[in-house]
PDB file of N, CA and C in Angstrom:
ATOM      1  N   MET A   1     112.259-117.505-108.136  1.00  0.00           N
ATOM      2  CA  MET A   1     110.890-117.535-107.651  1.00  0.00           C
ATOM      3  C   MET A   1     109.999-118.286-108.639  1.00  0.00           C
ATOM      4  N   ASN A   2     110.232-118.071-109.916  1.00  0.00           N
ATOM      5  CA  ASN A   2     109.400-118.745-110.915  1.00  0.00           C
ATOM      6  C   ASN A   2     109.538-120.259-110.834  1.00  0.00           C
ATOM      7  N   ARG A   3     110.750-120.733-110.621  1.00  0.00           N
ATOM      8  CA  ARG A   3     110.995-122.177-110.587  1.00  0.00           C
ATOM      9  C   ARG A   3     110.396-122.829-109.346  1.00  0.00           C
ATOM     10  N   TYR A   4     110.510-122.169-108.187  1.00  0.00           N
ATOM     11  CA  TYR A   4     110.096-122.792-106.927  1.00  0.00           C
ATOM     12  C   TYR A   4     108.814-122.206-106.342  1.00  0.00           C
ATOM     13  N   HIS A   5     108.244-121.218-107.010  1.00  0.00           N
ATOM     14  CA  HIS A   5     106.970-120.601-106.614  1.00  0.00           C
ATOM     15  C   HIS A   5     107.020-120.007-105.212  1.00  0.00           C
ATOM     16  N   THR A   6     108.181-119.519-104.845  1.00  0.00           N
ATOM     17  CA  THR A   6     108.343-118.810-103.580  1.00  0.00           C
ATOM     18  C   THR A   6     109.571-117.926-103.680  1.00  0.00           C
ATOM     19  N   ALA A   7     109.566-116.866-102.890  1.00  0.00           N
ATOM     20  CA  ALA A   7     110.743-116.011-102.780  1.00  0.00           C
ATOM     21  C   ALA A   7     111.407-116.203-101.423  1.00  0.00           C
ATOM     22  N   ASN A   8     110.931-117.163-100.643  1.00  0.00           N
ATOM     23  CA  ASN A   8     111.529-117.421 -99.336  1.00  0.00           C
ATOM     24  C   ASN A   8     112.917-118.031 -99.544  1.00  0.00           C
ATOM     25  N   PRO A   9     113.976-117.337 -99.126  1.00  0.00           N
ATOM     26  CA  PRO A   9     115.328-117.827 -99.413  1.00  0.00           C
ATOM     27  C   PRO A   9     115.647-119.157 -98.733  1.00  0.00           C
ATOM     28  N   PHE A  10     115.015-119.446 -97.620  1.00  0.00           N
ATOM     29  CA  PHE A  10     115.259-120.719 -96.936  1.00  0.00           C
ATOM     30  C   PHE A  10     114.663-121.883 -97.727  1.00  0.00           C
ATOM     31  N   ILE A  11     113.486-121.663 -98.279  1.00  0.00           N
ATOM     32  CA  ILE A  11     112.847-122.713 -99.085  1.00  0.00           C
ATOM     33  C   ILE A  11     113.605-122.903-100.397  1.00  0.00           C
ATOM     34  N   ILE A  12     114.030-121.802-101.011  1.00  0.00           N
ATOM     35  CA  ILE A  12     114.805-121.912-102.250  1.00  0.00           C
ATOM     36  C   ILE A  12     116.099-122.687-101.992  1.00  0.00           C
ATOM     37  N   ALA A  13     116.786-122.365-100.907  1.00  0.00           N
ATOM     38  CA  ALA A  13     118.021-123.077-100.575  1.00  0.00           C
ATOM     39  C   ALA A  13     117.761-124.564-100.372  1.00  0.00           C
ATOM     40  N   GLU A  14     116.697-124.874 -99.684  1.00  0.00           N
ATOM     41  CA  GLU A  14     116.343-126.282 -99.461  1.00  0.00           C
ATOM     42  C   GLU A  14     116.106-126.999-100.786  1.00  0.00           C
ATOM     43  N   ARG A  15     115.389-126.355-101.677  1.00  0.00           N
ATOM     44  CA  ARG A  15     115.090-126.982-102.973  1.00  0.00           C
ATOM     45  C   ARG A  15     116.311-127.069-103.885  1.00  0.00           C
ATOM     46  N   LEU A  16     117.304-126.222-103.646  1.00  0.00           N
ATOM     47  CA  LEU A  16     118.565-126.297-104.386  1.00  0.00           C
ATOM     48  C   LEU A  16     119.575-127.214-103.690  1.00  0.00           C
ATOM     49  N   ASN A  17     119.140-127.852-102.604  1.00  0.00           N
ATOM     50  CA  ASN A  17     120.009-128.718-101.801  1.00  0.00           C
ATOM     51  C   ASN A  17     121.222-127.979-101.258  1.00  0.00           C
ATOM     52  N   ILE A  18     121.017-126.732-100.871  1.00  0.00           N
ATOM     53  CA  ILE A  18     122.070-125.948-100.233  1.00  0.00           C
ATOM     54  C   ILE A  18     121.900-126.122 -98.730  1.00  0.00           C
ATOM     55  N   GLN A  19     122.929-126.652 -98.118  1.00  0.00           N
ATOM     56  CA  GLN A  19     122.914-126.884 -96.677  1.00  0.00           C
ATOM     57  C   GLN A  19     122.993-125.552 -95.944  1.00  0.00           C
ATOM     58  N   VAL A  20     122.190-125.387 -94.894  1.00  0.00           N
ATOM     59  CA  VAL A  20     122.203-124.186 -94.063  1.00  0.00           C
ATOM     60  C   VAL A  20     122.546-124.609 -92.642  1.00  0.00           C
ATOM     61  N   GLU A  21     123.572-123.991 -92.076  1.00  0.00           N
ATOM     62  CA  GLU A  21     124.009-124.289 -90.717  1.00  0.00           C
ATOM     63  C   GLU A  21     123.958-123.023 -89.875  1.00  0.00           C
ATOM     64  N   TRP A  22     123.418-123.119 -88.676  1.00  0.00           N
ATOM     65  CA  TRP A  22     123.411-122.006 -87.734  1.00  0.00           C
ATOM     66  C   TRP A  22     124.654-122.139 -86.866  1.00  0.00           C
ATOM     67  N   CYS A  23     125.471-121.093 -86.835  1.00  0.00           N
ATOM     68  CA  CYS A  23     126.776-121.144 -86.172  1.00  0.00           C
ATOM     69  C   CYS A  23     126.874-120.097 -85.067  1.00  0.00           C
ATOM     70  N   LEU A  24     127.682-120.399 -84.072  1.00  0.00           N
ATOM     71  CA  LEU A  24     127.938-119.464 -82.984  1.00  0.00           C
ATOM     72  C   LEU A  24     129.146-118.598 -83.338  1.00  0.00           C
ATOM     73  N   PHE A  25     128.888-117.525 -84.079  1.00  0.00           N
ATOM     74  CA  PHE A  25     129.910-116.540 -84.394  1.00  0.00           C
ATOM     75  C   PHE A  25     129.828-115.448 -83.332  1.00  0.00           C
ATOM     76  N   ASP A  26     130.816-114.558 -83.300  1.00  0.00           N
ATOM     77  CA  ASP A  26     130.669-113.358 -82.479  1.00  0.00           C
ATOM     78  C   ASP A  26     129.577-112.517 -83.128  1.00  0.00           C
ATOM     79  N   HIS A  27     129.715-111.224 -83.112  1.00  0.00           N
ATOM     80  CA  HIS A  27     128.705-110.373 -83.752  1.00  0.00           C
ATOM     81  C   HIS A  27     128.735-110.516 -85.263  1.00  0.00           C
ATOM     82  N   TYR A  28     129.916-110.769 -85.810  1.00  0.00           N
ATOM     83  CA  TYR A  28     130.076-110.910 -87.253  1.00  0.00           C
ATOM     84  C   TYR A  28     130.925-112.126 -87.542  1.00  0.00           C
ATOM     85  N   PRO A  29     130.755-112.742 -88.684  1.00  0.00           N
ATOM     86  CA  PRO A  29     129.844-112.367 -89.759  1.00  0.00           C
ATOM     87  C   PRO A  29     128.413-112.773 -89.437  1.00  0.00           C
ATOM     88  N   LEU A  30     127.474-112.128 -90.115  1.00  0.00           N
ATOM     89  CA  LEU A  30     126.074-112.542 -89.990  1.00  0.00           C
ATOM     90  C   LEU A  30     125.821-113.790 -90.822  1.00  0.00           C
ATOM     91  N   GLY A  31     126.569-113.933 -91.899  1.00  0.00           N
ATOM     92  CA  GLY A  31     126.443-115.109 -92.755  1.00  0.00           C
ATOM     93  C   GLY A  31     127.692-115.276 -93.586  1.00  0.00           C
ATOM     94  N   LYS A  32     127.878-116.483 -94.055  1.00  0.00           N
ATOM     95  CA  LYS A  32     129.053-116.788 -94.864  1.00  0.00           C
ATOM     96  C   LYS A  32     128.721-118.003 -95.710  1.00  0.00           C
ATOM     97  N   THR A  33     129.186-117.990 -96.958  1.00  0.00           N
ATOM     98  CA  THR A  33     129.010-119.151 -97.828  1.00  0.00           C
ATOM     99  C   THR A  33     130.373-119.790 -98.035  1.00  0.00           C
ATOM    100  N   VAL A  34     130.456-121.068 -97.729  1.00  0.00           N
ATOM    101  CA  VAL A  34     131.672-121.843 -97.944  1.00  0.00           C
ATOM    102  C   VAL A  34     131.306-123.004 -98.857  1.00  0.00           C
ATOM    103  N   TYR A  35     132.313-123.679 -99.345  1.00  0.00           N
ATOM    104  CA  TYR A  35     132.053-124.803-100.247  1.00  0.00           C
ATOM    105  C   TYR A  35     132.652-126.080 -99.688  1.00  0.00           C
ATOM    106  N   ASP A  36     131.874-127.134 -99.763  1.00  0.00           N
ATOM    107  CA  ASP A  36     132.328-128.481 -99.463  1.00  0.00           C
ATOM    108  C   ASP A  36     132.410-129.172-100.818  1.00  0.00           C
ATOM    109  N   GLY A  37     133.595-129.158-101.403  1.00  0.00           N
ATOM    110  CA  GLY A  37     133.731-129.596-102.794  1.00  0.00           C
ATOM    111  C   GLY A  37     133.056-128.569-103.673  1.00  0.00           C
ATOM    112  N   ASP A  38     132.099-129.003-104.468  1.00  0.00           N
ATOM    113  CA  ASP A  38     131.342-128.093-105.331  1.00  0.00           C
ATOM    114  C   ASP A  38     130.041-127.623-104.699  1.00  0.00           C
ATOM    115  N   GLN A  39     129.717-128.132-103.522  1.00  0.00           N
ATOM    116  CA  GLN A  39     128.422-127.853-102.901  1.00  0.00           C
ATOM    117  C   GLN A  39     128.508-126.683-101.921  1.00  0.00           C
ATOM    118  N   PRO A  40     127.712-125.615-102.137  1.00  0.00           N
ATOM    119  CA  PRO A  40     127.736-124.498-101.189  1.00  0.00           C
ATOM    120  C   PRO A  40     127.091-124.877 -99.861  1.00  0.00           C
ATOM    121  N   VAL A  41     127.655-124.337 -98.799  1.00  0.00           N
ATOM    122  CA  VAL A  41     127.096-124.473 -97.456  1.00  0.00           C
ATOM    123  C   VAL A  41     126.964-123.058 -96.909  1.00  0.00           C
ATOM    124  N   VAL A  42     125.753-122.678 -96.526  1.00  0.00           N
ATOM    125  CA  VAL A  42     125.516-121.351 -95.965  1.00  0.00           C
ATOM    126  C   VAL A  42     125.590-121.466 -94.450  1.00  0.00           C
ATOM    127  N   MET A  43     126.453-120.645 -93.877  1.00  0.00           N
ATOM    128  CA  MET A  43     126.607-120.584 -92.431  1.00  0.00           C
ATOM    129  C   MET A  43     126.005-119.269 -91.957  1.00  0.00           C
ATOM    130  N   LEU A  44     125.009-119.356 -91.092  1.00  0.00           N
ATOM    131  CA  LEU A  44     124.344-118.162 -90.581  1.00  0.00           C
ATOM    132  C   LEU A  44     124.621-118.014 -89.090  1.00  0.00           C
ATOM    133  N   ASN A  45     124.768-116.777 -88.667  1.00  0.00           N
ATOM    134  CA  ASN A  45     125.028-116.473 -87.270  1.00  0.00           C
ATOM    135  C   ASN A  45     123.777-116.799 -86.440  1.00  0.00           C
ATOM    136  N   ALA A  46     123.941-117.631 -85.426  1.00  0.00           N
ATOM    137  CA  ALA A  46     122.809-118.032 -84.583  1.00  0.00           C
ATOM    138  C   ALA A  46     122.142-116.843 -83.905  1.00  0.00           C
ATOM    139  N   ALA A  47     122.860-115.735 -83.768  1.00  0.00           N
ATOM    140  CA  ALA A  47     122.298-114.544 -83.130  1.00  0.00           C
ATOM    141  C   ALA A  47     121.155-113.927 -83.934  1.00  0.00           C
ATOM    142  N   ILE A  48     121.074-114.214 -85.239  1.00  0.00           N
ATOM    143  CA  ILE A  48     119.998-113.630 -86.048  1.00  0.00           C
ATOM    144  C   ILE A  48     118.845-114.606 -86.273  1.00  0.00           C
ATOM    145  N   ARG A  49     118.976-115.818 -85.744  1.00  0.00           N
ATOM    146  CA  ARG A  49     117.915-116.810 -85.926  1.00  0.00           C
ATOM    147  C   ARG A  49     116.630-116.293 -85.281  1.00  0.00           C
ATOM    148  N   HIS A  50     115.529-116.464 -85.956  1.00  0.00           N
ATOM    149  CA  HIS A  50     114.204-116.027 -85.492  1.00  0.00           C
ATOM    150  C   HIS A  50     114.078-114.503 -85.431  1.00  0.00           C
ATOM    151  N   THR A  51     114.890-113.800 -86.206  1.00  0.00           N
ATOM    152  CA  THR A  51     114.761-112.343 -86.324  1.00  0.00           C
ATOM    153  C   THR A  51     114.503-112.022 -87.793  1.00  0.00           C
ATOM    154  N   PRO A  52     113.968-110.848 -88.092  1.00  0.00           N
ATOM    155  CA  PRO A  52     113.760-110.486 -89.497  1.00  0.00           C
ATOM    156  C   PRO A  52     115.048-110.513 -90.321  1.00  0.00           C
ATOM    157  N   THR A  53     116.166-110.212 -89.690  1.00  0.00           N
ATOM    158  CA  THR A  53     117.444-110.143 -90.392  1.00  0.00           C
ATOM    159  C   THR A  53     117.831-111.461 -91.042  1.00  0.00           C
ATOM    160  N   GLN A  54     117.366-112.580 -90.487  1.00  0.00           N
ATOM    161  CA  GLN A  54     117.736-113.883 -91.057  1.00  0.00           C
ATOM    162  C   GLN A  54     117.331-113.985 -92.527  1.00  0.00           C
ATOM    163  N   TYR A  55     116.240-113.329 -92.915  1.00  0.00           N
ATOM    164  CA  TYR A  55     115.770-113.418 -94.296  1.00  0.00           C
ATOM    165  C   TYR A  55     116.685-112.672 -95.260  1.00  0.00           C
ATOM    166  N   PHE A  56     117.050-111.432 -94.903  1.00  0.00           N
ATOM    167  CA  PHE A  56     117.930-110.680 -95.786  1.00  0.00           C
ATOM    168  C   PHE A  56     119.298-111.355 -95.899  1.00  0.00           C
ATOM    169  N   VAL A  57     119.837-111.789 -94.766  1.00  0.00           N
ATOM    170  CA  VAL A  57     121.164-112.421 -94.777  1.00  0.00           C
ATOM    171  C   VAL A  57     121.130-113.726 -95.568  1.00  0.00           C
ATOM    172  N   MET A  58     120.086-114.516 -95.388  1.00  0.00           N
ATOM    173  CA  MET A  58     119.984-115.764 -96.150  1.00  0.00           C
ATOM    174  C   MET A  58     119.854-115.458 -97.639  1.00  0.00           C
ATOM    175  N   GLY A  59     119.095-114.441 -97.993  1.00  0.00           N
ATOM    176  CA  GLY A  59     118.978-114.039 -99.398  1.00  0.00           C
ATOM    177  C   GLY A  59     120.318-113.589 -99.963  1.00  0.00           C
ATOM    178  N   HIS A  60     121.077-112.866 -99.157  1.00  0.00           N
ATOM    179  CA  HIS A  60     122.408-112.410 -99.561  1.00  0.00           C
ATOM    180  C   HIS A  60     123.318-113.612 -99.835  1.00  0.00           C
ATOM    181  N   GLU A  61     123.343-114.565 -98.927  1.00  0.00           N
ATOM    182  CA  GLU A  61     124.196-115.747 -99.112  1.00  0.00           C
ATOM    183  C   GLU A  61     123.709-116.605-100.280  1.00  0.00           C
ATOM    184  N   LEU A  62     122.416-116.669-100.465  1.00  0.00           N
ATOM    185  CA  LEU A  62     121.863-117.378-101.619  1.00  0.00           C
ATOM    186  C   LEU A  62     122.307-116.693-102.915  1.00  0.00           C
ATOM    187  N   GLY A  63     122.365-115.365-102.891  1.00  0.00           N
ATOM    188  CA  GLY A  63     122.870-114.620-104.042  1.00  0.00           C
ATOM    189  C   GLY A  63     124.295-115.011-104.379  1.00  0.00           C
ATOM    190  N   HIS A  64     125.137-115.145-103.357  1.00  0.00           N
ATOM    191  CA  HIS A  64     126.509-115.606-103.602  1.00  0.00           C
ATOM    192  C   HIS A  64     126.501-116.985-104.260  1.00  0.00           C
ATOM    193  N   ALA A  65     125.708-117.899-103.721  1.00  0.00           N
ATOM    194  CA  ALA A  65     125.695-119.281-104.220  1.00  0.00           C
ATOM    195  C   ALA A  65     125.159-119.379-105.645  1.00  0.00           C
ATOM    196  N   ILE A  66     124.159-118.567-105.984  1.00  0.00           N
ATOM    197  CA  ILE A  66     123.535-118.644-107.308  1.00  0.00           C
ATOM    198  C   ILE A  66     124.293-117.806-108.340  1.00  0.00           C
ATOM    199  N   LEU A  67     124.575-116.563-108.004  1.00  0.00           N
ATOM    200  CA  LEU A  67     125.148-115.636-108.975  1.00  0.00           C
ATOM    201  C   LEU A  67     126.655-115.777-109.137  1.00  0.00           C
ATOM    202  N   GLN A  68     127.325-116.262-108.108  1.00  0.00           N
ATOM    203  CA  GLN A  68     128.786-116.255-108.103  1.00  0.00           C
ATOM    204  C   GLN A  68     129.376-117.648-107.992  1.00  0.00           C
ATOM    205  N   GLU A  69     128.629-118.614-108.412  1.00  0.00           N
ATOM    206  CA  GLU A  69     129.093-120.001-108.371  1.00  0.00           C
ATOM    207  C   GLU A  69     130.447-120.116-109.083  1.00  0.00           C
ATOM    208  N   GLY A  70     131.396-120.737-108.411  1.00  0.00           N
ATOM    209  CA  GLY A  70     132.710-120.947-109.004  1.00  0.00           C
ATOM    210  C   GLY A  70     133.663-119.774-108.880  1.00  0.00           C
ATOM    211  N   LEU A  71     133.259-118.692-108.224  1.00  0.00           N
ATOM    212  CA  LEU A  71     134.119-117.517-108.104  1.00  0.00           C
ATOM    213  C   LEU A  71     134.810-117.414-106.745  1.00  0.00           C
ATOM    214  N   VAL A  72     134.827-118.476-105.978  1.00  0.00           N
ATOM    215  CA  VAL A  72     135.358-118.411-104.622  1.00  0.00           C
ATOM    216  C   VAL A  72     136.808-117.938-104.607  1.00  0.00           C
ATOM    217  N   GLY A  73     137.669-118.495-105.427  1.00  0.00           N
ATOM    218  CA  GLY A  73     139.068-118.092-105.457  1.00  0.00           C
ATOM    219  C   GLY A  73     139.237-116.646-105.871  1.00  0.00           C
ATOM    220  N   TYR A  74     138.493-116.207-106.869  1.00  0.00           N
ATOM    221  CA  TYR A  74     138.563-114.829-107.348  1.00  0.00           C
ATOM    222  C   TYR A  74     138.079-113.881-106.265  1.00  0.00           C
ATOM    223  N   TYR A  75     137.031-114.264-105.594  1.00  0.00           N
ATOM    224  CA  TYR A  75     136.422-113.460-104.543  1.00  0.00           C
ATOM    225  C   TYR A  75     137.411-113.198-103.413  1.00  0.00           C
ATOM    226  N   THR A  76     138.157-114.215-103.007  1.00  0.00           N
ATOM    227  CA  THR A  76     139.051-114.055-101.871  1.00  0.00           C
ATOM    228  C   THR A  76     140.356-113.364-102.238  1.00  0.00           C
ATOM    229  N   SER A  77     140.703-113.297-103.525  1.00  0.00           N
ATOM    230  CA  SER A  77     141.994-112.738-103.904  1.00  0.00           C
ATOM    231  C   SER A  77     141.923-111.302-104.410  1.00  0.00           C
ATOM    232  N   SER A  78     140.758-110.705-104.487  1.00  0.00           N
ATOM    233  CA  SER A  78     140.634-109.367-105.054  1.00  0.00           C
ATOM    234  C   SER A  78     139.740-108.488-104.196  1.00  0.00           C
ATOM    235  N   ASN A  79     140.300-107.403-103.665  1.00  0.00           N
ATOM    236  CA  ASN A  79     139.489-106.474-102.866  1.00  0.00           C
ATOM    237  C   ASN A  79     138.397-105.818-103.691  1.00  0.00           C
ATOM    238  N   LYS A  80     138.712-105.464-104.946  1.00  0.00           N
ATOM    239  CA  LYS A  80     137.716-104.838-105.804  1.00  0.00           C
ATOM    240  C   LYS A  80     136.558-105.798-106.061  1.00  0.00           C
ATOM    241  N   ALA A  81     136.889-107.054-106.355  1.00  0.00           N
ATOM    242  CA  ALA A  81     135.842-108.054-106.582  1.00  0.00           C
ATOM    243  C   ALA A  81     135.024-108.260-105.319  1.00  0.00           C
ATOM    244  N   HIS A  82     135.691-108.225-104.174  1.00  0.00           N
ATOM    245  CA  HIS A  82     134.988-108.417-102.907  1.00  0.00           C
ATOM    246  C   HIS A  82     133.836-107.422-102.777  1.00  0.00           C
ATOM    247  N   GLY A  83     134.118-106.136-102.985  1.00  0.00           N
ATOM    248  CA  GLY A  83     133.077-105.121-102.883  1.00  0.00           C
ATOM    249  C   GLY A  83     131.994-105.284-103.928  1.00  0.00           C
ATOM    250  N   GLN A  84     132.394-105.600-105.146  1.00  0.00           N
ATOM    251  CA  GLN A  84     131.453-105.771-106.244  1.00  0.00           C
ATOM    252  C   GLN A  84     130.550-106.979-106.007  1.00  0.00           C
ATOM    253  N   LEU A  85     131.122-108.078-105.545  1.00  0.00           N
ATOM    254  CA  LEU A  85     130.337-109.289-105.314  1.00  0.00           C
ATOM    255  C   LEU A  85     129.411-109.134-104.121  1.00  0.00           C
ATOM    256  N   GLU A  86     129.844-108.400-103.104  1.00  0.00           N
ATOM    257  CA  GLU A  86     128.978-108.132-101.948  1.00  0.00           C
ATOM    258  C   GLU A  86     127.790-107.270-102.358  1.00  0.00           C
ATOM    259  N   THR A  87     128.052-106.257-103.173  1.00  0.00           N
ATOM    260  CA  THR A  87     126.974-105.398-103.661  1.00  0.00           C
ATOM    261  C   THR A  87     125.982-106.203-104.492  1.00  0.00           C
ATOM    262  N   GLU A  88     126.493-107.071-105.349  1.00  0.00           N
ATOM    263  CA  GLU A  88     125.636-107.915-106.177  1.00  0.00           C
ATOM    264  C   GLU A  88     124.762-108.821-105.306  1.00  0.00           C
ATOM    265  N   ALA A  89     125.334-109.408-104.263  1.00  0.00           N
ATOM    266  CA  ALA A  89     124.563-110.276-103.364  1.00  0.00           C
ATOM    267  C   ALA A  89     123.521-109.468-102.587  1.00  0.00           C
ATOM    268  N   ASP A  90     123.871-108.250-102.165  1.00  0.00           N
ATOM    269  CA  ASP A  90     122.902-107.378-101.486  1.00  0.00           C
ATOM    270  C   ASP A  90     121.731-107.047-102.401  1.00  0.00           C
ATOM    271  N   GLU A  91     122.036-106.705-103.654  1.00  0.00           N
ATOM    272  CA  GLU A  91     120.976-106.356-104.603  1.00  0.00           C
ATOM    273  C   GLU A  91     120.078-107.557-104.887  1.00  0.00           C
ATOM    274  N   PHE A  92     120.675-108.739-105.015  1.00  0.00           N
ATOM    275  CA  PHE A  92     119.899-109.962-105.217  1.00  0.00           C
ATOM    276  C   PHE A  92     118.932-110.162-104.047  1.00  0.00           C
ATOM    277  N   SER A  93     119.456-110.032-102.831  1.00  0.00           N
ATOM    278  CA  SER A  93     118.622-110.245-101.656  1.00  0.00           C
ATOM    279  C   SER A  93     117.524-109.194-101.534  1.00  0.00           C
ATOM    280  N   ALA A  94     117.853-107.937-101.795  1.00  0.00           N
ATOM    281  CA  ALA A  94     116.840-106.875-101.706  1.00  0.00           C
ATOM    282  C   ALA A  94     115.705-107.131-102.690  1.00  0.00           C
ATOM    283  N   ALA A  95     116.048-107.541-103.913  1.00  0.00           N
ATOM    284  CA  ALA A  95     115.011-107.848-104.906  1.00  0.00           C
ATOM    285  C   ALA A  95     114.182-109.050-104.467  1.00  0.00           C
ATOM    286  N   LEU A  96     114.844-110.056-103.938  1.00  0.00           N
ATOM    287  CA  LEU A  96     114.141-111.244-103.457  1.00  0.00           C
ATOM    288  C   LEU A  96     113.202-110.889-102.310  1.00  0.00           C
ATOM    289  N   MET A  97     113.659-110.002-101.401  1.00  0.00           N
ATOM    290  CA  MET A  97     112.815-109.607-100.270  1.00  0.00           C
ATOM    291  C   MET A  97     111.592-108.819-100.748  1.00  0.00           C
ATOM    292  N   GLY A  98     111.746-108.044-101.815  1.00  0.00           N
ATOM    293  CA  GLY A  98     110.586-107.353-102.390  1.00  0.00           C
ATOM    294  C   GLY A  98     109.546-108.345-102.874  1.00  0.00           C
ATOM    295  N   LEU A  99     110.007-109.404-103.535  1.00  0.00           N
ATOM    296  CA  LEU A  99     109.083-110.451-104.005  1.00  0.00           C
ATOM    297  C   LEU A  99     108.479-111.224-102.836  1.00  0.00           C
ATOM    298  N   LEU A 100     109.275-111.458-101.792  1.00  0.00           N
ATOM    299  CA  LEU A 100     108.759-112.165-100.617  1.00  0.00           C
ATOM    300  C   LEU A 100     107.705-111.326 -99.908  1.00  0.00           C
ATOM    301  N   PHE A 101     107.903-110.002 -99.871  1.00  0.00           N
ATOM    302  CA  PHE A 101     106.904-109.127 -99.263  1.00  0.00           C
ATOM    303  C   PHE A 101     105.565-109.274 -99.986  1.00  0.00           C
ATOM    304  N   ILE A 102     105.611-109.254-101.306  1.00  0.00           N
ATOM    305  CA  ILE A 102     104.379-109.408-102.090  1.00  0.00           C
ATOM    306  C   ILE A 102     103.753-110.779-101.817  1.00  0.00           C
ATOM    307  N   GLU A 103     104.579-111.811-101.781  1.00  0.00           N
ATOM    308  CA  GLU A 103     104.093-113.171-101.503  1.00  0.00           C
ATOM    309  C   GLU A 103     103.421-113.250-100.130  1.00  0.00           C
ATOM    310  N   ASP A 104     104.031-112.632 -99.129  1.00  0.00           N
ATOM    311  CA  ASP A 104     103.521-112.717 -97.757  1.00  0.00           C
ATOM    312  C   ASP A 104     102.356-111.774 -97.475  1.00  0.00           C
ATOM    313  N   ASN A 105     102.257-110.654 -98.218  1.00  0.00           N
ATOM    314  CA  ASN A 105     101.282-109.616 -97.877  1.00  0.00           C
ATOM    315  C   ASN A 105     100.269-109.310 -98.974  1.00  0.00           C
ATOM    316  N   ASP A 106     100.397-109.956-100.130  1.00  0.00           N
ATOM    317  CA  ASP A 106      99.491-109.721-101.260  1.00  0.00           C
ATOM    318  C   ASP A 106      99.428-108.257-101.687  1.00  0.00           C
ATOM    319  N   ARG A 107     100.532-107.554-101.516  1.00  0.00           N
ATOM    320  CA  ARG A 107     100.621-106.164-101.957  1.00  0.00           C
ATOM    321  C   ARG A 107     102.082-105.775-102.055  1.00  0.00           C
ATOM    322  N   MET A 108     102.331-104.693-102.774  1.00  0.00           N
ATOM    323  CA  MET A 108     103.681-104.137-102.869  1.00  0.00           C
ATOM    324  C   MET A 108     104.029-103.466-101.544  1.00  0.00           C
ATOM    325  N   PRO A 109     105.299-103.425-101.196  1.00  0.00           N
ATOM    326  CA  PRO A 109     105.672-102.659 -99.996  1.00  0.00           C
ATOM    327  C   PRO A 109     105.427-101.176-100.236  1.00  0.00           C
ATOM    328  N   SER A 110     105.007-100.473 -99.208  1.00  0.00           N
ATOM    329  CA  SER A 110     104.768 -99.031 -99.319  1.00  0.00           C
ATOM    330  C   SER A 110     106.068 -98.262 -99.394  1.00  0.00           C
ATOM    331  N   SER A 111     107.103 -98.812 -98.763  1.00  0.00           N
ATOM    332  CA  SER A 111     108.395 -98.126 -98.735  1.00  0.00           C
ATOM    333  C   SER A 111     109.495 -99.138 -98.454  1.00  0.00           C
ATOM    334  N   TYR A 112     110.712 -98.669 -98.605  1.00  0.00           N
ATOM    335  CA  TYR A 112     111.863 -99.492 -98.272  1.00  0.00           C
ATOM    336  C   TYR A 112     111.811 -99.904 -96.797  1.00  0.00           C
ATOM    337  N   LYS A 113     111.296 -99.008 -95.955  1.00  0.00           N
ATOM    338  CA  LYS A 113     111.208 -99.306 -94.520  1.00  0.00           C
ATOM    339  C   LYS A 113     110.335-100.529 -94.252  1.00  0.00           C
ATOM    340  N   ASP A 114     109.311-100.769 -95.081  1.00  0.00           N
ATOM    341  CA  ASP A 114     108.499-101.985 -94.931  1.00  0.00           C
ATOM    342  C   ASP A 114     109.380-103.226 -95.046  1.00  0.00           C
ATOM    343  N   LEU A 115     110.263-103.218 -96.036  1.00  0.00           N
ATOM    344  CA  LEU A 115     111.167-104.355 -96.244  1.00  0.00           C
ATOM    345  C   LEU A 115     112.180-104.461 -95.118  1.00  0.00           C
ATOM    346  N   ALA A 116     112.689-103.322 -94.679  1.00  0.00           N
ATOM    347  CA  ALA A 116     113.675-103.318 -93.593  1.00  0.00           C
ATOM    348  C   ALA A 116     113.068-103.886 -92.314  1.00  0.00           C
ATOM    349  N   ARG A 117     111.845-103.485 -92.000  1.00  0.00           N
ATOM    350  CA  ARG A 117     111.185-103.978 -90.785  1.00  0.00           C
ATOM    351  C   ARG A 117     110.856-105.465 -90.878  1.00  0.00           C
ATOM    352  N   GLN A 118     110.322-105.890 -92.002  1.00  0.00           N
ATOM    353  CA  GLN A 118     109.828-107.265 -92.107  1.00  0.00           C
ATOM    354  C   GLN A 118     110.931-108.283 -92.370  1.00  0.00           C
ATOM    355  N   TYR A 119     111.986-107.867 -93.111  1.00  0.00           N
ATOM    356  CA  TYR A 119     112.998-108.848 -93.513  1.00  0.00           C
ATOM    357  C   TYR A 119     114.426-108.445 -93.177  1.00  0.00           C
ATOM    358  N   GLY A 120     114.595-107.410 -92.384  1.00  0.00           N
ATOM    359  CA  GLY A 120     115.921-107.076 -91.889  1.00  0.00           C
ATOM    360  C   GLY A 120     116.867-106.431 -92.874  1.00  0.00           C
ATOM    361  N   LEU A 121     116.340-105.805 -93.937  1.00  0.00           N
ATOM    362  CA  LEU A 121     117.229-105.103 -94.853  1.00  0.00           C
ATOM    363  C   LEU A 121     117.920-103.987 -94.097  1.00  0.00           C
ATOM    364  N   PRO A 122     119.208-103.791 -94.366  1.00  0.00           N
ATOM    365  CA  PRO A 122     119.915-102.706 -93.669  1.00  0.00           C
ATOM    366  C   PRO A 122     119.398-101.352 -94.146  1.00  0.00           C
ATOM    367  N   TYR A 123     119.347-100.406 -93.245  1.00  0.00           N
ATOM    368  CA  TYR A 123     118.855 -99.073 -93.604  1.00  0.00           C
ATOM    369  C   TYR A 123     119.845 -98.312 -94.470  1.00  0.00           C
ATOM    370  N   ASN A 124     121.103 -98.742 -94.495  1.00  0.00           N
ATOM    371  CA  ASN A 124     122.106 -98.026 -95.293  1.00  0.00           C
ATOM    372  C   ASN A 124     122.403 -98.733 -96.614  1.00  0.00           C
ATOM    373  N   LEU A 125     121.553 -99.635 -97.061  1.00  0.00           N
ATOM    374  CA  LEU A 125     121.767-100.336 -98.334  1.00  0.00           C
ATOM    375  C   LEU A 125     121.589 -99.337 -99.464  1.00  0.00           C
ATOM    376  N   ASN A 126     122.563 -99.273-100.359  1.00  0.00           N
ATOM    377  CA  ASN A 126     122.484 -98.330-101.485  1.00  0.00           C
ATOM    378  C   ASN A 126     121.677 -98.918-102.615  1.00  0.00           C
TER     379      ASN A 126
END
């Protein structure tokens, strides 16, 4: 946020030259990060486009691209790492959504439910 003066994950991805593609998946996945060489490509489920959920999911995938750069092979070969890396991406996105709430509303969220309603955070996020 400090570098790009926004917490909007779509704008951050654009400024990092991370390609975002809307894909026709079934119900899942909601998002996925793949690599074209060294360049991350975020694939988002078209079913969440124009919904609050697109923000949390994009933040989650951005977390993978920023925090876990170069860990693709490790991520796919270890179940323990899979859970740990998913949790890390969720936490990154939740924190980013808190900052985006402040940016969009000029105030702190009153509760977690504010973030869930506005940016699609899951209600069961630990």
